Amino acid sequence: MRIEGRVEKTIDKKKFLVRLGGEKWVPNIGDIILSPDLRPIAKVVDVIGRVDSPFVLAVLLRENIDIEKLIGKKVSISSSTKTGHARRKG
């Protein structure tokens, strides 16, 4: 499942805030934030604010991404599918 939001402001060189729209689904910590061209750029570390229009605090996955260029752009948040370790037979 994907939800869209808009990058509002930067916190420091690695963190930024995303304002979510009026969606009923709220992302989980660890979900991946995708750039406008659908490349993974950040990870959700916290959800803050009001229930009807929350903010997501995100941290960059790589250092070579310029956060300043993302301000005002739409981004997508994709639900992470974490899987456990595979069990070894034998």
Foldseek 3Di string as FASTA:
>chain_A
DKFKWAWAAADDLWKTKTKGAQDQDDADFQWFKAFPVGDTFWTFHDWDDDNRIIMTMITTPDNPDGVVVRHGPMIMTGHDDDDDDDDDDD
